[in-house]
C-alpha atoms as a PDB file:
ATOM      1  CA  UNK A   1       6.088 -26.636 -15.302  1.00  0.00           C
ATOM      2  CA  UNK A   2       4.152 -26.333 -12.060  1.00  0.00           C
ATOM      3  CA  UNK A   3       2.468 -23.018 -11.158  1.00  0.00           C
ATOM      4  CA  UNK A   4       4.777 -22.501  -8.132  1.00  0.00           C
ATOM      5  CA  UNK A   5       7.937 -22.843 -10.210  1.00  0.00           C
ATOM      6  CA  UNK A   6       6.523 -20.466 -12.826  1.00  0.00           C
ATOM      7  CA  UNK A   7       5.863 -17.925 -10.086  1.00  0.00           C
ATOM      8  CA  UNK A   8       9.410 -18.238  -8.774  1.00  0.00           C
ATOM      9  CA  UNK A   9      10.741 -17.814 -12.325  1.00  0.00           C
ATOM     10  CA  UNK A  10       8.878 -14.503 -12.624  1.00  0.00           C
ATOM     11  CA  UNK A  11      11.148 -13.003  -9.980  1.00  0.00           C
ATOM     12  CA  UNK A  12      14.213 -13.910 -12.034  1.00  0.00           C
ATOM     13  CA  UNK A  13      13.248 -12.202 -15.284  1.00  0.00           C
ATOM     14  CA  UNK A  14      15.585  -9.768 -16.996  1.00  0.00           C
ATOM     15  CA  UNK A  15      14.415  -6.227 -17.706  1.00  0.00           C
ATOM     16  CA  UNK A  16      13.722  -7.107 -21.360  1.00  0.00           C
ATOM     17  CA  UNK A  17      11.858 -10.269 -20.412  1.00  0.00           C
ATOM     18  CA  UNK A  18       9.661  -8.237 -18.031  1.00  0.00           C
ATOM     19  CA  UNK A  19       9.012  -5.632 -20.739  1.00  0.00           C
ATOM     20  CA  UNK A  20       7.969  -8.283 -23.249  1.00  0.00           C
ATOM     21  CA  UNK A  21       5.787 -10.131 -20.745  1.00  0.00           C
ATOM     22  CA  UNK A  22       4.147  -6.869 -19.648  1.00  0.00           C
ATOM     23  CA  UNK A  23       3.337  -6.014 -23.282  1.00  0.00           C
ATOM     24  CA  UNK A  24       1.677  -9.412 -23.657  1.00  0.00           C
ATOM     25  CA  UNK A  25      -0.308  -8.927 -20.434  1.00  0.00           C
ATOM     26  CA  UNK A  26      -1.445  -5.448 -21.533  1.00  0.00           C
ATOM     27  CA  UNK A  27      -2.709  -6.666 -24.895  1.00  0.00           C
ATOM     28  CA  UNK A  28      -3.766 -10.202 -23.980  1.00  0.00           C
ATOM     29  CA  UNK A  29      -1.963 -11.582 -27.017  1.00  0.00           C
ATOM     30  CA  UNK A  30       0.654 -10.081 -29.344  1.00  0.00           C
ATOM     31  CA  UNK A  31       2.829 -10.895 -32.307  1.00  0.00           C
ATOM     32  CA  UNK A  32       6.570 -10.222 -32.075  1.00  0.00           C
ATOM     33  CA  UNK A  33       6.153  -7.095 -34.233  1.00  0.00           C
ATOM     34  CA  UNK A  34       3.337  -5.802 -32.001  1.00  0.00           C
ATOM     35  CA  UNK A  35       5.421  -6.440 -28.893  1.00  0.00           C
ATOM     36  CA  UNK A  36       8.347  -4.561 -30.424  1.00  0.00           C
ATOM     37  CA  UNK A  37       6.029  -1.614 -31.091  1.00  0.00           C
ATOM     38  CA  UNK A  38       4.909  -1.513 -27.455  1.00  0.00           C
ATOM     39  CA  UNK A  39       8.336  -1.469 -25.831  1.00  0.00           C
ATOM     40  CA  UNK A  40      10.129   1.764 -25.078  1.00  0.00           C
ATOM     41  CA  UNK A  41      13.490   1.854 -26.868  1.00  0.00           C
ATOM     42  CA  UNK A  42      12.721  -1.474 -28.519  1.00  0.00           C
ATOM     43  CA  UNK A  43      15.399  -4.015 -29.346  1.00  0.00           C
ATOM     44  CA  UNK A  44      15.678  -5.492 -32.828  1.00  0.00           C
ATOM     45  CA  UNK A  45      12.971  -7.814 -34.115  1.00  0.00           C
ATOM     46  CA  UNK A  46      15.322 -10.781 -33.779  1.00  0.00           C
ATOM     47  CA  UNK A  47      16.087  -9.806 -30.165  1.00  0.00           C
ATOM     48  CA  UNK A  48      12.351  -9.733 -29.386  1.00  0.00           C
ATOM     49  CA  UNK A  49      12.006 -13.189 -30.940  1.00  0.00           C
ATOM     50  CA  UNK A  50      14.916 -14.431 -28.813  1.00  0.00           C
ATOM     51  CA  UNK A  51      13.267 -13.088 -25.632  1.00  0.00           C
ATOM     52  CA  UNK A  52       9.979 -14.715 -26.645  1.00  0.00           C
ATOM     53  CA  UNK A  53      11.781 -18.031 -27.089  1.00  0.00           C
ATOM     54  CA  UNK A  54      13.314 -17.728 -23.590  1.00  0.00           C
ATOM     55  CA  UNK A  55       9.949 -16.851 -22.016  1.00  0.00           C
ATOM     56  CA  UNK A  56       8.381 -19.805 -23.763  1.00  0.00           C
ATOM     57  CA  UNK A  57      11.167 -22.118 -22.520  1.00  0.00           C
ATOM     58  CA  UNK A  58      10.512 -20.835 -18.989  1.00  0.00           C
ATOM     59  CA  UNK A  59       6.853 -21.755 -19.455  1.00  0.00           C
ATOM     60  CA  UNK A  60       5.583 -18.202 -18.970  1.00  0.00           C
ATOM     61  CA  UNK A  61       4.112 -17.764 -22.447  1.00  0.00           C
ATOM     62  CA  UNK A  62       2.920 -19.931 -25.295  1.00  0.00           C
ATOM     63  CA  UNK A  63       2.288 -19.240 -28.949  1.00  0.00           C
ATOM     64  CA  UNK A  64      -0.329 -20.156 -31.487  1.00  0.00           C
ATOM     65  CA  UNK A  65      -0.686 -19.550 -35.188  1.00  0.00           C
ATOM     66  CA  UNK A  66      -3.182 -16.894 -36.252  1.00  0.00           C
ATOM     67  CA  UNK A  67      -3.439 -16.231 -39.946  1.00  0.00           C
ATOM     68  CA  UNK A  68       0.173 -15.989 -41.146  1.00  0.00           C
ATOM     69  CA  UNK A  69       1.819 -15.118 -37.829  1.00  0.00           C
ATOM     70  CA  UNK A  70       2.435 -16.398 -34.340  1.00  0.00           C
ATOM     71  CA  UNK A  71       0.787 -14.650 -31.444  1.00  0.00           C
ATOM     72  CA  UNK A  72       2.037 -15.028 -27.884  1.00  0.00           C
ATOM     73  CA  UNK A  73      -0.147 -15.442 -24.813  1.00  0.00           C
ATOM     74  CA  UNK A  74       0.696 -15.632 -21.097  1.00  0.00           C
ATOM     75  CA  UNK A  75       0.434 -18.967 -19.312  1.00  0.00           C
ATOM     76  CA  UNK A  76       0.591 -17.430 -15.829  1.00  0.00           C
ATOM     77  CA  UNK A  77      -2.423 -15.369 -14.699  1.00  0.00           C
ATOM     78  CA  UNK A  78      -1.599 -11.677 -14.318  1.00  0.00           C
ATOM     79  CA  UNK A  79      -2.480 -11.677 -10.592  1.00  0.00           C
ATOM     80  CA  UNK A  80       0.023 -14.505 -10.013  1.00  0.00           C
ATOM     81  CA  UNK A  81       2.681 -12.513 -11.854  1.00  0.00           C
ATOM     82  CA  UNK A  82       1.896  -9.388  -9.845  1.00  0.00           C
ATOM     83  CA  UNK A  83       2.024 -11.261  -6.528  1.00  0.00           C
ATOM     84  CA  UNK A  84       5.332 -12.854  -7.474  1.00  0.00           C
ATOM     85  CA  UNK A  85       6.861  -9.515  -8.469  1.00  0.00           C
ATOM     86  CA  UNK A  86       5.630  -7.850  -5.275  1.00  0.00           C
ATOM     87  CA  UNK A  87       6.943 -10.701  -3.126  1.00  0.00           C
ATOM     88  CA  UNK A  88      10.324 -10.420  -4.832  1.00  0.00           C
ATOM     89  CA  UNK A  89      10.379  -6.633  -4.320  1.00  0.00           C
ATOM     90  CA  UNK A  90       9.272  -7.011  -0.696  1.00  0.00           C
ATOM     91  CA  UNK A  91      12.019  -9.526   0.046  1.00  0.00           C
ATOM     92  CA  UNK A  92      14.843  -7.973  -1.968  1.00  0.00           C
ATOM     93  CA  UNK A  93      14.286  -4.243  -1.424  1.00  0.00           C
ATOM     94  CA  UNK A  94      12.440  -4.054   1.887  1.00  0.00           C
ATOM     95  CA  UNK A  95      13.862  -6.972   3.844  1.00  0.00           C
ATOM     96  CA  UNK A  96      10.435  -8.625   3.997  1.00  0.00           C
ATOM     97  CA  UNK A  97       8.977  -5.676   5.941  1.00  0.00           C
ATOM     98  CA  UNK A  98       5.370  -4.913   4.960  1.00  0.00           C
ATOM     99  CA  UNK A  99       5.557  -1.729   7.016  1.00  0.00           C
ATOM    100  CA  UNK A 100       8.546  -0.441   5.037  1.00  0.00           C
ATOM    101  CA  UNK A 101       7.026  -1.231   1.649  1.00  0.00           C
ATOM    102  CA  UNK A 102       3.696   0.398   2.590  1.00  0.00           C
ATOM    103  CA  UNK A 103       5.490   3.488   3.895  1.00  0.00           C
ATOM    104  CA  UNK A 104       7.417   3.745   0.617  1.00  0.00           C
ATOM    105  CA  UNK A 105       4.250   3.313  -1.466  1.00  0.00           C
ATOM    106  CA  UNK A 106       2.380   5.921   0.540  1.00  0.00           C
ATOM    107  CA  UNK A 107       5.311   8.328   0.358  1.00  0.00           C
ATOM    108  CA  UNK A 108       5.485   8.028  -3.430  1.00  0.00           C
ATOM    109  CA  UNK A 109       1.745   8.360  -4.011  1.00  0.00           C
ATOM    110  CA  UNK A 110       0.557  10.469  -1.060  1.00  0.00           C
ATOM    111  CA  UNK A 111       0.072  13.613  -3.139  1.00  0.00           C
ATOM    112  CA  UNK A 112      -1.967  11.712  -5.732  1.00  0.00           C
ATOM    113  CA  UNK A 113      -4.274   9.689  -3.481  1.00  0.00           C
ATOM    114  CA  UNK A 114      -7.855  10.896  -3.265  1.00  0.00           C
ATOM    115  CA  UNK A 115      -9.853  10.754  -0.056  1.00  0.00           C
ATOM    116  CA  UNK A 116     -11.847   7.870  -1.550  1.00  0.00           C
ATOM    117  CA  UNK A 117      -8.648   5.924  -2.268  1.00  0.00           C
ATOM    118  CA  UNK A 118      -7.353   6.572   1.237  1.00  0.00           C
ATOM    119  CA  UNK A 119     -10.676   5.396   2.672  1.00  0.00           C
ATOM    120  CA  UNK A 120     -10.511   2.163   0.643  1.00  0.00           C
ATOM    121  CA  UNK A 121      -6.918   1.566   1.785  1.00  0.00           C
ATOM    122  CA  UNK A 122      -7.981   2.137   5.398  1.00  0.00           C
ATOM    123  CA  UNK A 123     -10.801  -0.372   4.927  1.00  0.00           C
ATOM    124  CA  UNK A 124      -8.380  -2.959   3.487  1.00  0.00           C
ATOM    125  CA  UNK A 125      -6.123  -2.500   6.512  1.00  0.00           C
ATOM    126  CA  UNK A 126      -9.070  -2.864   8.883  1.00  0.00           C
ATOM    127  CA  UNK A 127     -10.126  -6.080   7.129  1.00  0.00           C
ATOM    128  CA  UNK A 128      -6.562  -7.447   7.314  1.00  0.00           C
ATOM    129  CA  UNK A 129      -6.454  -7.051  11.102  1.00  0.00           C
ATOM    130  CA  UNK A 130      -7.294 -10.127  13.120  1.00  0.00           C
ATOM    131  CA  UNK A 131      -9.402  -9.769  16.236  1.00  0.00           C
ATOM    132  CA  UNK A 132      -6.713 -11.518  18.310  1.00  0.00           C
ATOM    133  CA  UNK A 133      -3.952  -9.089  17.245  1.00  0.00           C
ATOM    134  CA  UNK A 134      -3.136  -5.938  19.134  1.00  0.00           C
ATOM    135  CA  UNK A 135      -2.482  -2.856  16.972  1.00  0.00           C
ATOM    136  CA  UNK A 136       0.743  -2.056  18.862  1.00  0.00           C
ATOM    137  CA  UNK A 137       2.371  -5.458  18.209  1.00  0.00           C
END
């Protein structure tokens, strides 16, 4: 499966598939039992195994034998997964508007952002501006 098609598949994951994949990303590699222990309100062990099988069929994870168990590892780099999820959220919830998504993020986190964080965000915005663009456009 090509990297682009894996990225597009990430946007189509179910809630459970996202939970399982996130557990694998957090730990780097996990067995089915470990994954089950890291999910809030976990499904049955057999349900976790079924989700793992689906994620493997989608090409998002792979498994290998370690001692007497299988461990599961991601095949898509975490930054690719994050970008795909953000793109999906941007398109589906914010109509593709970067301004609307940034306003929502700042609204949610404004009380928790330190002056240093705000300064770094301002610097990122300044770096994203092109010299040929007018701020008011």
